[in-house]
Amino acid sequence: MDKLDEMIAEALKNEDQEILTETEELGYFAQALGIFRGPQGWISWVVMLVQIGLFGVGAWAAWQFFHTTDTLTALKWGLPAAILLLAAMMLKLSLMPVMQADRVIRQIKRLELLLARKSD
């Protein structure tokens, strides 16, 4: 907790402490699991399932790549493996901005609640 949070906590009454605890910043795993809930959670589920599929097929192709002896066969397995693994990584990273947006929205709501309480 930084100094601003401490000053806010001191200024608020006991009933307002509930607002602070409800809008506290979540840990990384709580944020990561939070993207699977809500009205757009199904999109995250679809992206994650596709990502798991791409990773599985890419890992299988990479396994085949490392067990080949001739160059042409190695290229036939190696290029798809690299592309599939990169696509899986890109899909996984596409979920990070959603987590960041959720953090920003949570902080904006926290400020709105604090300002509303302050103006009353």
PDB file of N, CA and C in Angstrom:
ATOM      1  N   MET A   1       0.850  -1.165   0.000  1.00  0.00           N
ATOM      2  CA  MET A   1       0.000   0.000   0.000  1.00  0.00           C
ATOM      3  C   MET A   1       0.902   1.236   0.000  1.00  0.00           C
ATOM      4  N   ASP A   2       0.598   2.201  -0.835  1.00  0.00           N
ATOM      5  CA  ASP A   2       1.422   3.397  -0.884  1.00  0.00           C
ATOM      6  C   ASP A   2       0.861   4.481   0.030  1.00  0.00           C
ATOM      7  N   LYS A   3       1.543   5.616   0.074  1.00  0.00           N
ATOM      8  CA  LYS A   3       1.179   6.692   1.007  1.00  0.00           C
ATOM      9  C   LYS A   3      -0.213   7.243   0.734  1.00  0.00           C
ATOM     10  N   LEU A   4      -0.597   7.371  -0.539  1.00  0.00           N
ATOM     11  CA  LEU A   4      -1.924   7.879  -0.876  1.00  0.00           C
ATOM     12  C   LEU A   4      -3.008   6.957  -0.329  1.00  0.00           C
ATOM     13  N   ASP A   5      -2.821   5.653  -0.487  1.00  0.00           N
ATOM     14  CA  ASP A   5      -3.796   4.700   0.048  1.00  0.00           C
ATOM     15  C   ASP A   5      -3.900   4.802   1.567  1.00  0.00           C
ATOM     16  N   GLU A   6      -2.775   5.010   2.230  1.00  0.00           N
ATOM     17  CA  GLU A   6      -2.801   5.152   3.686  1.00  0.00           C
ATOM     18  C   GLU A   6      -3.558   6.407   4.104  1.00  0.00           C
ATOM     19  N   MET A   7      -3.341   7.508   3.382  1.00  0.00           N
ATOM     20  CA  MET A   7      -4.044   8.752   3.705  1.00  0.00           C
ATOM     21  C   MET A   7      -5.547   8.600   3.484  1.00  0.00           C
ATOM     22  N   ILE A   8      -5.931   7.915   2.417  1.00  0.00           N
ATOM     23  CA  ILE A   8      -7.353   7.684   2.141  1.00  0.00           C
ATOM     24  C   ILE A   8      -7.962   6.820   3.238  1.00  0.00           C
ATOM     25  N   ALA A   9      -7.256   5.772   3.628  1.00  0.00           N
ATOM     26  CA  ALA A   9      -7.772   4.869   4.661  1.00  0.00           C
ATOM     27  C   ALA A   9      -7.967   5.597   5.991  1.00  0.00           C
ATOM     28  N   GLU A  10      -7.062   6.511   6.315  1.00  0.00           N
ATOM     29  CA  GLU A  10      -7.195   7.263   7.563  1.00  0.00           C
ATOM     30  C   GLU A  10      -8.373   8.221   7.515  1.00  0.00           C
ATOM     31  N   ALA A  11      -8.621   8.800   6.344  1.00  0.00           N
ATOM     32  CA  ALA A  11      -9.668   9.810   6.223  1.00  0.00           C
ATOM     33  C   ALA A  11     -11.070   9.205   6.236  1.00  0.00           C
ATOM     34  N   LEU A  12     -11.187   7.969   5.869  1.00  0.00           N
ATOM     35  CA  LEU A  12     -12.511   7.364   5.760  1.00  0.00           C
ATOM     36  C   LEU A  12     -12.987   6.805   7.090  1.00  0.00           C
ATOM     37  N   LYS A  13     -14.277   6.765   7.220  1.00  0.00           N
ATOM     38  CA  LYS A  13     -14.894   6.207   8.422  1.00  0.00           C
ATOM     39  C   LYS A  13     -14.935   4.686   8.315  1.00  0.00           C
ATOM     40  N   ASN A  14     -15.417   4.034   9.344  1.00  0.00           N
ATOM     41  CA  ASN A  14     -15.490   2.572   9.355  1.00  0.00           C
ATOM     42  C   ASN A  14     -16.384   2.031   8.258  1.00  0.00           C
ATOM     43  N   GLU A  15     -17.525   2.694   8.010  1.00  0.00           N
ATOM     44  CA  GLU A  15     -18.433   2.185   6.974  1.00  0.00           C
ATOM     45  C   GLU A  15     -17.817   2.304   5.584  1.00  0.00           C
ATOM     46  N   ASP A  16     -16.943   3.285   5.420  1.00  0.00           N
ATOM     47  CA  ASP A  16     -16.295   3.452   4.124  1.00  0.00           C
ATOM     48  C   ASP A  16     -15.147   2.468   3.932  1.00  0.00           C
ATOM     49  N   GLN A  17     -14.686   1.864   5.004  1.00  0.00           N
ATOM     50  CA  GLN A  17     -13.630   0.870   4.885  1.00  0.00           C
ATOM     51  C   GLN A  17     -14.087  -0.329   4.058  1.00  0.00           C
ATOM     52  N   GLU A  18     -15.384  -0.626   4.106  1.00  0.00           N
ATOM     53  CA  GLU A  18     -15.920  -1.729   3.306  1.00  0.00           C
ATOM     54  C   GLU A  18     -15.730  -1.457   1.820  1.00  0.00           C
ATOM     55  N   ILE A  19     -15.919  -0.209   1.420  1.00  0.00           N
ATOM     56  CA  ILE A  19     -15.733   0.156   0.011  1.00  0.00           C
ATOM     57  C   ILE A  19     -14.290  -0.079  -0.397  1.00  0.00           C
ATOM     58  N   LEU A  20     -13.363   0.317   0.466  1.00  0.00           N
ATOM     59  CA  LEU A  20     -11.952   0.120   0.144  1.00  0.00           C
ATOM     60  C   LEU A  20     -11.598  -1.356   0.020  1.00  0.00           C
ATOM     61  N   THR A  21     -12.130  -2.179   0.918  1.00  0.00           N
ATOM     62  CA  THR A  21     -11.801  -3.602   0.844  1.00  0.00           C
ATOM     63  C   THR A  21     -12.439  -4.263  -0.373  1.00  0.00           C
ATOM     64  N   GLU A  22     -13.619  -3.788  -0.789  1.00  0.00           N
ATOM     65  CA  GLU A  22     -14.268  -4.356  -1.970  1.00  0.00           C
ATOM     66  C   GLU A  22     -13.542  -3.981  -3.251  1.00  0.00           C
ATOM     67  N   THR A  23     -12.907  -2.821  -3.266  1.00  0.00           N
ATOM     68  CA  THR A  23     -12.251  -2.358  -4.490  1.00  0.00           C
ATOM     69  C   THR A  23     -10.736  -2.483  -4.418  1.00  0.00           C
ATOM     70  N   GLU A  24     -10.229  -3.260  -3.460  1.00  0.00           N
ATOM     71  CA  GLU A  24      -8.791  -3.462  -3.356  1.00  0.00           C
ATOM     72  C   GLU A  24      -8.254  -4.118  -4.612  1.00  0.00           C
ATOM     73  N   GLU A  25      -6.994  -3.831  -4.907  1.00  0.00           N
ATOM     74  CA  GLU A  25      -6.381  -4.437  -6.079  1.00  0.00           C
ATOM     75  C   GLU A  25      -6.183  -5.929  -5.833  1.00  0.00           C
ATOM     76  N   LEU A  26      -6.576  -6.719  -6.817  1.00  0.00           N
ATOM     77  CA  LEU A  26      -6.483  -8.167  -6.703  1.00  0.00           C
ATOM     78  C   LEU A  26      -5.072  -8.626  -7.029  1.00  0.00           C
ATOM     79  N   GLY A  27      -4.724  -9.807  -6.558  1.00  0.00           N
ATOM     80  CA  GLY A  27      -3.442 -10.394  -6.897  1.00  0.00           C
ATOM     81  C   GLY A  27      -3.428 -10.875  -8.347  1.00  0.00           C
ATOM     82  N   TYR A  28      -2.261 -11.295  -8.802  1.00  0.00           N
ATOM     83  CA  TYR A  28      -2.108 -11.686 -10.205  1.00  0.00           C
ATOM     84  C   TYR A  28      -3.025 -12.847 -10.572  1.00  0.00           C
ATOM     85  N   PHE A  29      -3.071 -13.873  -9.752  1.00  0.00           N
ATOM     86  CA  PHE A  29      -3.873 -15.041 -10.095  1.00  0.00           C
ATOM     87  C   PHE A  29      -5.363 -14.730 -10.050  1.00  0.00           C
ATOM     88  N   ALA A  30      -5.779 -13.895  -9.124  1.00  0.00           N
ATOM     89  CA  ALA A  30      -7.188 -13.486  -9.077  1.00  0.00           C
ATOM     90  C   ALA A  30      -7.550 -12.678 -10.321  1.00  0.00           C
ATOM     91  N   GLN A  31      -6.630 -11.828 -10.776  1.00  0.00           N
ATOM     92  CA  GLN A  31      -6.872 -11.072 -12.008  1.00  0.00           C
ATOM     93  C   GLN A  31      -6.916 -12.004 -13.213  1.00  0.00           C
ATOM     94  N   ALA A  32      -5.991 -12.960 -13.250  1.00  0.00           N
ATOM     95  CA  ALA A  32      -5.939 -13.880 -14.387  1.00  0.00           C
ATOM     96  C   ALA A  32      -7.205 -14.723 -14.467  1.00  0.00           C
ATOM     97  N   LEU A  33      -7.706 -15.172 -13.333  1.00  0.00           N
ATOM     98  CA  LEU A  33      -8.940 -15.955 -13.342  1.00  0.00           C
ATOM     99  C   LEU A  33     -10.160 -15.072 -13.559  1.00  0.00           C
ATOM    100  N   GLY A  34     -10.039 -13.797 -13.255  1.00  0.00           N
ATOM    101  CA  GLY A  34     -11.146 -12.864 -13.432  1.00  0.00           C
ATOM    102  C   GLY A  34     -11.506 -12.609 -14.882  1.00  0.00           C
ATOM    103  N   ILE A  35     -10.568 -12.842 -15.800  1.00  0.00           N
ATOM    104  CA  ILE A  35     -10.886 -12.605 -17.211  1.00  0.00           C
ATOM    105  C   ILE A  35     -11.822 -13.670 -17.769  1.00  0.00           C
ATOM    106  N   PHE A  36     -12.007 -14.763 -17.035  1.00  0.00           N
ATOM    107  CA  PHE A  36     -12.901 -15.827 -17.487  1.00  0.00           C
ATOM    108  C   PHE A  36     -14.322 -15.660 -16.967  1.00  0.00           C
ATOM    109  N   ARG A  37     -14.573 -14.581 -16.242  1.00  0.00           N
ATOM    110  CA  ARG A  37     -15.911 -14.299 -15.721  1.00  0.00           C
ATOM    111  C   ARG A  37     -16.454 -13.051 -16.393  1.00  0.00           C
ATOM    112  N   GLY A  38     -17.723 -12.839 -16.208  1.00  0.00           N
ATOM    113  CA  GLY A  38     -18.343 -11.634 -16.748  1.00  0.00           C
ATOM    114  C   GLY A  38     -18.952 -11.873 -18.118  1.00  0.00           C
ATOM    115  N   PRO A  39     -19.476 -10.808 -18.704  1.00  0.00           N
ATOM    116  CA  PRO A  39     -20.186 -10.955 -19.977  1.00  0.00           C
ATOM    117  C   PRO A  39     -19.283 -11.359 -21.140  1.00  0.00           C
ATOM    118  N   GLN A  40     -17.990 -11.063 -21.050  1.00  0.00           N
ATOM    119  CA  GLN A  40     -17.081 -11.425 -22.138  1.00  0.00           C
ATOM    120  C   GLN A  40     -16.125 -12.544 -21.744  1.00  0.00           C
ATOM    121  N   GLY A  41     -16.454 -13.243 -20.688  1.00  0.00           N
ATOM    122  CA  GLY A  41     -15.609 -14.335 -20.235  1.00  0.00           C
ATOM    123  C   GLY A  41     -15.540 -15.489 -21.219  1.00  0.00           C
ATOM    124  N   TRP A  42     -16.619 -15.707 -21.955  1.00  0.00           N
ATOM    125  CA  TRP A  42     -16.631 -16.814 -22.909  1.00  0.00           C
ATOM    126  C   TRP A  42     -15.580 -16.601 -24.001  1.00  0.00           C
ATOM    127  N   ILE A  43     -15.308 -15.354 -24.350  1.00  0.00           N
ATOM    128  CA  ILE A  43     -14.283 -15.078 -25.365  1.00  0.00           C
ATOM    129  C   ILE A  43     -12.921 -15.524 -24.849  1.00  0.00           C
ATOM    130  N   SER A  44     -12.647 -15.245 -23.595  1.00  0.00           N
ATOM    131  CA  SER A  44     -11.378 -15.667 -23.004  1.00  0.00           C
ATOM    132  C   SER A  44     -11.274 -17.187 -22.962  1.00  0.00           C
ATOM    133  N   TRP A  45     -12.390 -17.863 -22.673  1.00  0.00           N
ATOM    134  CA  TRP A  45     -12.386 -19.328 -22.680  1.00  0.00           C
ATOM    135  C   TRP A  45     -12.071 -19.861 -24.070  1.00  0.00           C
ATOM    136  N   VAL A  46     -12.691 -19.289 -25.094  1.00  0.00           N
ATOM    137  CA  VAL A  46     -12.441 -19.742 -26.466  1.00  0.00           C
ATOM    138  C   VAL A  46     -10.983 -19.505 -26.844  1.00  0.00           C
ATOM    139  N   VAL A  47     -10.468 -18.313 -26.538  1.00  0.00           N
ATOM    140  CA  VAL A  47      -9.070 -18.002 -26.855  1.00  0.00           C
ATOM    141  C   VAL A  47      -8.138 -18.970 -26.139  1.00  0.00           C
ATOM    142  N   MET A  48      -8.419 -19.260 -24.876  1.00  0.00           N
ATOM    143  CA  MET A  48      -7.551 -20.156 -24.118  1.00  0.00           C
ATOM    144  C   MET A  48      -7.612 -21.585 -24.657  1.00  0.00           C
ATOM    145  N   LEU A  49      -8.796 -22.057 -25.023  1.00  0.00           N
ATOM    146  CA  LEU A  49      -8.907 -23.410 -25.580  1.00  0.00           C
ATOM    147  C   LEU A  49      -8.186 -23.519 -26.918  1.00  0.00           C
ATOM    148  N   VAL A  50      -8.328 -22.509 -27.769  1.00  0.00           N
ATOM    149  CA  VAL A  50      -7.616 -22.510 -29.052  1.00  0.00           C
ATOM    150  C   VAL A  50      -6.112 -22.461 -28.803  1.00  0.00           C
ATOM    151  N   GLN A  51      -5.696 -21.660 -27.843  1.00  0.00           N
ATOM    152  CA  GLN A  51      -4.275 -21.555 -27.520  1.00  0.00           C
ATOM    153  C   GLN A  51      -3.724 -22.895 -27.047  1.00  0.00           C
ATOM    154  N   ILE A  52      -4.474 -23.598 -26.209  1.00  0.00           N
ATOM    155  CA  ILE A  52      -4.028 -24.911 -25.732  1.00  0.00           C
ATOM    156  C   ILE A  52      -3.927 -25.892 -26.897  1.00  0.00           C
ATOM    157  N   GLY A  53      -4.900 -25.844 -27.800  1.00  0.00           N
ATOM    158  CA  GLY A  53      -4.858 -26.710 -28.975  1.00  0.00           C
ATOM    159  C   GLY A  53      -3.655 -26.415 -29.860  1.00  0.00           C
ATOM    160  N   LEU A  54      -3.406 -25.138 -30.124  1.00  0.00           N
ATOM    161  CA  LEU A  54      -2.252 -24.764 -30.946  1.00  0.00           C
ATOM    162  C   LEU A  54      -0.945 -25.188 -30.287  1.00  0.00           C
ATOM    163  N   PHE A  55      -0.860 -25.002 -28.983  1.00  0.00           N
ATOM    164  CA  PHE A  55       0.354 -25.400 -28.283  1.00  0.00           C
ATOM    165  C   PHE A  55       0.555 -26.913 -28.343  1.00  0.00           C
ATOM    166  N   GLY A  56      -0.525 -27.666 -28.146  1.00  0.00           N
ATOM    167  CA  GLY A  56      -0.414 -29.123 -28.193  1.00  0.00           C
ATOM    168  C   GLY A  56       0.039 -29.629 -29.553  1.00  0.00           C
ATOM    169  N   VAL A  57      -0.585 -29.123 -30.611  1.00  0.00           N
ATOM    170  CA  VAL A  57      -0.201 -29.541 -31.965  1.00  0.00           C
ATOM    171  C   VAL A  57       1.216 -29.061 -32.279  1.00  0.00           C
ATOM    172  N   GLY A  58       1.560 -27.841 -31.838  1.00  0.00           N
ATOM    173  CA  GLY A  58       2.911 -27.319 -32.064  1.00  0.00           C
ATOM    174  C   GLY A  58       3.963 -28.135 -31.338  1.00  0.00           C
ATOM    175  N   ALA A  59       3.672 -28.554 -30.104  1.00  0.00           N
ATOM    176  CA  ALA A  59       4.621 -29.380 -29.354  1.00  0.00           C
ATOM    177  C   ALA A  59       4.779 -30.749 -30.012  1.00  0.00           C
ATOM    178  N   TRP A  60       3.674 -31.301 -30.507  1.00  0.00           N
ATOM    179  CA  TRP A  60       3.753 -32.588 -31.202  1.00  0.00           C
ATOM    180  C   TRP A  60       4.588 -32.455 -32.479  1.00  0.00           C
ATOM    181  N   ALA A  61       4.379 -31.373 -33.232  1.00  0.00           N
ATOM    182  CA  ALA A  61       5.164 -31.151 -34.450  1.00  0.00           C
ATOM    183  C   ALA A  61       6.640 -30.932 -34.106  1.00  0.00           C
ATOM    184  N   ALA A  62       6.917 -30.250 -33.008  1.00  0.00           N
ATOM    185  CA  ALA A  62       8.305 -30.052 -32.595  1.00  0.00           C
ATOM    186  C   ALA A  62       8.946 -31.382 -32.209  1.00  0.00           C
ATOM    187  N   TRP A  63       8.178 -32.240 -31.551  1.00  0.00           N
ATOM    188  CA  TRP A  63       8.680 -33.575 -31.199  1.00  0.00           C
ATOM    189  C   TRP A  63       9.041 -34.354 -32.461  1.00  0.00           C
ATOM    190  N   GLN A  64       8.148 -34.296 -33.451  1.00  0.00           N
ATOM    191  CA  GLN A  64       8.425 -34.972 -34.724  1.00  0.00           C
ATOM    192  C   GLN A  64       9.656 -34.373 -35.407  1.00  0.00           C
ATOM    193  N   PHE A  65       9.799 -33.054 -35.300  1.00  0.00           N
ATOM    194  CA  PHE A  65      10.943 -32.364 -35.904  1.00  0.00           C
ATOM    195  C   PHE A  65      12.260 -32.880 -35.333  1.00  0.00           C
ATOM    196  N   PHE A  66      12.316 -33.057 -34.031  1.00  0.00           N
ATOM    197  CA  PHE A  66      13.563 -33.485 -33.406  1.00  0.00           C
ATOM    198  C   PHE A  66      13.859 -34.966 -33.618  1.00  0.00           C
ATOM    199  N   HIS A  67      12.894 -35.722 -34.146  1.00  0.00           N
ATOM    200  CA  HIS A  67      13.126 -37.140 -34.394  1.00  0.00           C
ATOM    201  C   HIS A  67      13.309 -37.471 -35.870  1.00  0.00           C
ATOM    202  N   THR A  68      13.421 -36.466 -36.707  1.00  0.00           N
ATOM    203  CA  THR A  68      13.644 -36.735 -38.132  1.00  0.00           C
ATOM    204  C   THR A  68      15.136 -36.736 -38.425  1.00  0.00           C
ATOM    205  N   THR A  69      15.477 -37.415 -39.518  1.00  0.00           N
ATOM    206  CA  THR A  69      16.888 -37.484 -39.898  1.00  0.00           C
ATOM    207  C   THR A  69      17.168 -36.749 -41.199  1.00  0.00           C
ATOM    208  N   ASP A  70      16.176 -36.610 -42.041  1.00  0.00           N
ATOM    209  CA  ASP A  70      16.447 -35.941 -43.313  1.00  0.00           C
ATOM    210  C   ASP A  70      15.966 -34.490 -43.268  1.00  0.00           C
ATOM    211  N   THR A  71      16.620 -33.650 -44.030  1.00  0.00           N
ATOM    212  CA  THR A  71      16.420 -32.200 -43.961  1.00  0.00           C
ATOM    213  C   THR A  71      15.032 -31.773 -44.399  1.00  0.00           C
ATOM    214  N   LEU A  72      14.535 -32.332 -45.487  1.00  0.00           N
ATOM    215  CA  LEU A  72      13.229 -31.922 -45.995  1.00  0.00           C
ATOM    216  C   LEU A  72      12.118 -32.278 -45.003  1.00  0.00           C
ATOM    217  N   THR A  73      12.192 -33.436 -44.417  1.00  0.00           N
ATOM    218  CA  THR A  73      11.193 -33.823 -43.417  1.00  0.00           C
ATOM    219  C   THR A  73      11.302 -32.929 -42.180  1.00  0.00           C
ATOM    220  N   ALA A  74      12.526 -32.580 -41.820  1.00  0.00           N
ATOM    221  CA  ALA A  74      12.714 -31.680 -40.678  1.00  0.00           C
ATOM    222  C   ALA A  74      12.072 -30.323 -40.957  1.00  0.00           C
ATOM    223  N   LEU A  75      12.204 -29.829 -42.177  1.00  0.00           N
ATOM    224  CA  LEU A  75      11.561 -28.557 -42.533  1.00  0.00           C
ATOM    225  C   LEU A  75      10.046 -28.680 -42.512  1.00  0.00           C
ATOM    226  N   LYS A  76       9.539 -29.815 -42.970  1.00  0.00           N
ATOM    227  CA  LYS A  76       8.082 -30.013 -42.994  1.00  0.00           C
ATOM    228  C   LYS A  76       7.502 -30.058 -41.585  1.00  0.00           C
ATOM    229  N   TRP A  77       8.274 -30.498 -40.606  1.00  0.00           N
ATOM    230  CA  TRP A  77       7.791 -30.515 -39.225  1.00  0.00           C
ATOM    231  C   TRP A  77       8.199 -29.259 -38.454  1.00  0.00           C
ATOM    232  N   GLY A  78       9.370 -28.734 -38.748  1.00  0.00           N
ATOM    233  CA  GLY A  78       9.907 -27.607 -37.980  1.00  0.00           C
ATOM    234  C   GLY A  78       9.185 -26.297 -38.216  1.00  0.00           C
ATOM    235  N   LEU A  79       8.892 -25.983 -39.466  1.00  0.00           N
ATOM    236  CA  LEU A  79       8.205 -24.716 -39.755  1.00  0.00           C
ATOM    237  C   LEU A  79       6.796 -24.668 -39.163  1.00  0.00           C
ATOM    238  N   PRO A  80       5.978 -25.705 -39.364  1.00  0.00           N
ATOM    239  CA  PRO A  80       4.662 -25.659 -38.703  1.00  0.00           C
ATOM    240  C   PRO A  80       4.769 -25.613 -37.176  1.00  0.00           C
ATOM    241  N   ALA A  81       5.758 -26.317 -36.616  1.00  0.00           N
ATOM    242  CA  ALA A  81       5.930 -26.289 -35.159  1.00  0.00           C
ATOM    243  C   ALA A  81       6.220 -24.872 -34.686  1.00  0.00           C
ATOM    244  N   ALA A  82       7.127 -24.193 -35.362  1.00  0.00           N
ATOM    245  CA  ALA A  82       7.478 -22.825 -34.967  1.00  0.00           C
ATOM    246  C   ALA A  82       6.288 -21.890 -35.113  1.00  0.00           C
ATOM    247  N   ILE A  83       5.567 -22.003 -36.214  1.00  0.00           N
ATOM    248  CA  ILE A  83       4.418 -21.122 -36.452  1.00  0.00           C
ATOM    249  C   ILE A  83       3.314 -21.387 -35.429  1.00  0.00           C
ATOM    250  N   LEU A  84       3.032 -22.653 -35.160  1.00  0.00           N
ATOM    251  CA  LEU A  84       1.981 -22.983 -34.189  1.00  0.00           C
ATOM    252  C   LEU A  84       2.346 -22.528 -32.777  1.00  0.00           C
ATOM    253  N   LEU A  85       3.594 -22.710 -32.389  1.00  0.00           N
ATOM    254  CA  LEU A  85       4.007 -22.276 -31.053  1.00  0.00           C
ATOM    255  C   LEU A  85       3.987 -20.754 -30.930  1.00  0.00           C
ATOM    256  N   LEU A  86       4.381 -20.052 -31.989  1.00  0.00           N
ATOM    257  CA  LEU A  86       4.311 -18.587 -31.965  1.00  0.00           C
ATOM    258  C   LEU A  86       2.863 -18.103 -31.918  1.00  0.00           C
ATOM    259  N   ALA A  87       1.982 -18.763 -32.660  1.00  0.00           N
ATOM    260  CA  ALA A  87       0.567 -18.379 -32.636  1.00  0.00           C
ATOM    261  C   ALA A  87      -0.030 -18.615 -31.248  1.00  0.00           C
ATOM    262  N   ALA A  88       0.352 -19.726 -30.607  1.00  0.00           N
ATOM    263  CA  ALA A  88      -0.138 -20.002 -29.255  1.00  0.00           C
ATOM    264  C   ALA A  88       0.345 -18.931 -28.280  1.00  0.00           C
ATOM    265  N   MET A  89       1.597 -18.516 -28.430  1.00  0.00           N
ATOM    266  CA  MET A  89       2.132 -17.478 -27.554  1.00  0.00           C
ATOM    267  C   MET A  89       1.419 -16.143 -27.778  1.00  0.00           C
ATOM    268  N   MET A  90       1.138 -15.816 -29.031  1.00  0.00           N
ATOM    269  CA  MET A  90       0.442 -14.558 -29.328  1.00  0.00           C
ATOM    270  C   MET A  90      -0.966 -14.563 -28.741  1.00  0.00           C
ATOM    271  N   LEU A  91      -1.657 -15.689 -28.830  1.00  0.00           N
ATOM    272  CA  LEU A  91      -2.991 -15.768 -28.237  1.00  0.00           C
ATOM    273  C   LEU A  91      -2.935 -15.635 -26.718  1.00  0.00           C
ATOM    274  N   LYS A  92      -1.943 -16.256 -26.105  1.00  0.00           N
ATOM    275  CA  LYS A  92      -1.797 -16.142 -24.649  1.00  0.00           C
ATOM    276  C   LYS A  92      -1.541 -14.687 -24.261  1.00  0.00           C
ATOM    277  N   LEU A  93      -0.689 -14.010 -25.008  1.00  0.00           N
ATOM    278  CA  LEU A  93      -0.369 -12.616 -24.695  1.00  0.00           C
ATOM    279  C   LEU A  93      -1.521 -11.669 -25.005  1.00  0.00           C
ATOM    280  N   SER A  94      -2.457 -12.099 -25.842  1.00  0.00           N
ATOM    281  CA  SER A  94      -3.592 -11.223 -26.161  1.00  0.00           C
ATOM    282  C   SER A  94      -4.521 -11.046 -24.969  1.00  0.00           C
ATOM    283  N   LEU A  95      -4.416 -11.911 -23.972  1.00  0.00           N
ATOM    284  CA  LEU A  95      -5.260 -11.793 -22.785  1.00  0.00           C
ATOM    285  C   LEU A  95      -4.692 -10.817 -21.756  1.00  0.00           C
ATOM    286  N   MET A  96      -3.430 -10.442 -21.877  1.00  0.00           N
ATOM    287  CA  MET A  96      -2.826  -9.528 -20.910  1.00  0.00           C
ATOM    288  C   MET A  96      -3.440  -8.129 -20.942  1.00  0.00           C
ATOM    289  N   PRO A  97      -3.731  -7.545 -22.118  1.00  0.00           N
ATOM    290  CA  PRO A  97      -4.373  -6.221 -22.102  1.00  0.00           C
ATOM    291  C   PRO A  97      -5.743  -6.233 -21.426  1.00  0.00           C
ATOM    292  N   VAL A  98      -6.436  -7.356 -21.469  1.00  0.00           N
ATOM    293  CA  VAL A  98      -7.728  -7.455 -20.790  1.00  0.00           C
ATOM    294  C   VAL A  98      -7.521  -7.332 -19.282  1.00  0.00           C
ATOM    295  N   MET A  99      -6.488  -7.981 -18.771  1.00  0.00           N
ATOM    296  CA  MET A  99      -6.191  -7.874 -17.344  1.00  0.00           C
ATOM    297  C   MET A  99      -5.832  -6.442 -16.967  1.00  0.00           C
ATOM    298  N   GLN A 100      -5.048  -5.785 -17.806  1.00  0.00           N
ATOM    299  CA  GLN A 100      -4.660  -4.405 -17.517  1.00  0.00           C
ATOM    300  C   GLN A 100      -5.875  -3.484 -17.548  1.00  0.00           C
ATOM    301  N   ALA A 101      -6.757  -3.680 -18.511  1.00  0.00           N
ATOM    302  CA  ALA A 101      -7.970  -2.855 -18.589  1.00  0.00           C
ATOM    303  C   ALA A 101      -8.843  -3.072 -17.357  1.00  0.00           C
ATOM    304  N   ASP A 102      -8.929  -4.314 -16.886  1.00  0.00           N
ATOM    305  CA  ASP A 102      -9.705  -4.592 -15.672  1.00  0.00           C
ATOM    306  C   ASP A 102      -9.115  -3.872 -14.462  1.00  0.00           C
ATOM    307  N   ARG A 103      -7.780  -3.827 -14.378  1.00  0.00           N
ATOM    308  CA  ARG A 103      -7.139  -3.110 -13.272  1.00  0.00           C
ATOM    309  C   ARG A 103      -7.469  -1.626 -13.320  1.00  0.00           C
ATOM    310  N   VAL A 104      -7.400  -1.034 -14.513  1.00  0.00           N
ATOM    311  CA  VAL A 104      -7.673   0.397 -14.654  1.00  0.00           C
ATOM    312  C   VAL A 104      -9.130   0.693 -14.312  1.00  0.00           C
ATOM    313  N   ILE A 105     -10.041  -0.136 -14.797  1.00  0.00           N
ATOM    314  CA  ILE A 105     -11.467   0.065 -14.514  1.00  0.00           C
ATOM    315  C   ILE A 105     -11.731  -0.048 -13.015  1.00  0.00           C
ATOM    316  N   ARG A 106     -11.085  -1.014 -12.357  1.00  0.00           N
ATOM    317  CA  ARG A 106     -11.264  -1.179 -10.911  1.00  0.00           C
ATOM    318  C   ARG A 106     -10.782   0.066 -10.164  1.00  0.00           C
ATOM    319  N   GLN A 107      -9.662   0.628 -10.572  1.00  0.00           N
ATOM    320  CA  GLN A 107      -9.152   1.825  -9.902  1.00  0.00           C
ATOM    321  C   GLN A 107     -10.037   3.040 -10.164  1.00  0.00           C
ATOM    322  N   ILE A 108     -10.578   3.148 -11.367  1.00  0.00           N
ATOM    323  CA  ILE A 108     -11.492   4.254 -11.672  1.00  0.00           C
ATOM    324  C   ILE A 108     -12.751   4.141 -10.821  1.00  0.00           C
ATOM    325  N   LYS A 109     -13.285   2.934 -10.684  1.00  0.00           N
ATOM    326  CA  LYS A 109     -14.461   2.740  -9.824  1.00  0.00           C
ATOM    327  C   LYS A 109     -14.145   3.100  -8.381  1.00  0.00           C
ATOM    328  N   ARG A 110     -12.951   2.744  -7.948  1.00  0.00           N
ATOM    329  CA  ARG A 110     -12.549   3.072  -6.582  1.00  0.00           C
ATOM    330  C   ARG A 110     -12.509   4.585  -6.382  1.00  0.00           C
ATOM    331  N   LEU A 111     -11.939   5.299  -7.345  1.00  0.00           N
ATOM    332  CA  LEU A 111     -11.899   6.755  -7.251  1.00  0.00           C
ATOM    333  C   LEU A 111     -13.294   7.362  -7.288  1.00  0.00           C
ATOM    334  N   GLU A 112     -14.158   6.823  -8.141  1.00  0.00           N
ATOM    335  CA  GLU A 112     -15.534   7.327  -8.207  1.00  0.00           C
ATOM    336  C   GLU A 112     -16.246   7.152  -6.870  1.00  0.00           C
ATOM    337  N   LEU A 113     -16.087   5.990  -6.261  1.00  0.00           N
ATOM    338  CA  LEU A 113     -16.719   5.755  -4.961  1.00  0.00           C
ATOM    339  C   LEU A 113     -16.176   6.698  -3.890  1.00  0.00           C
ATOM    340  N   LEU A 114     -14.869   6.880  -3.908  1.00  0.00           N
ATOM    341  CA  LEU A 114     -14.281   7.770  -2.912  1.00  0.00           C
ATOM    342  C   LEU A 114     -14.728   9.212  -3.119  1.00  0.00           C
ATOM    343  N   LEU A 115     -14.805   9.653  -4.364  1.00  0.00           N
ATOM    344  CA  LEU A 115     -15.270  11.016  -4.642  1.00  0.00           C
ATOM    345  C   LEU A 115     -16.739  11.186  -4.284  1.00  0.00           C
ATOM    346  N   ALA A 116     -17.539  10.165  -4.537  1.00  0.00           N
ATOM    347  CA  ALA A 116     -18.959  10.241  -4.190  1.00  0.00           C
ATOM    348  C   ALA A 116     -19.130  10.342  -2.678  1.00  0.00           C
ATOM    349  N   ARG A 117     -18.351   9.582  -1.931  1.00  0.00           N
ATOM    350  CA  ARG A 117     -18.423   9.642  -0.468  1.00  0.00           C
ATOM    351  C   ARG A 117     -17.927  10.992   0.043  1.00  0.00           C
ATOM    352  N   LYS A 118     -16.909  11.514  -0.617  1.00  0.00           N
ATOM    353  CA  LYS A 118     -16.329  12.788  -0.189  1.00  0.00           C
ATOM    354  C   LYS A 118     -17.296  13.945  -0.416  1.00  0.00           C
ATOM    355  N   SER A 119     -18.072  13.884  -1.514  1.00  0.00           N
ATOM    356  CA  SER A 119     -18.982  14.985  -1.833  1.00  0.00           C
ATOM    357  C   SER A 119     -20.248  14.959  -0.978  1.00  0.00           C
ATOM    358  N   ASP A 120     -20.558  13.801  -0.370  1.00  0.00           N
ATOM    359  CA  ASP A 120     -21.772  13.713   0.475  1.00  0.00           C
ATOM    360  C   ASP A 120     -21.637  14.419   1.773  1.00  0.00           C
TER     361      ASP A 120
END
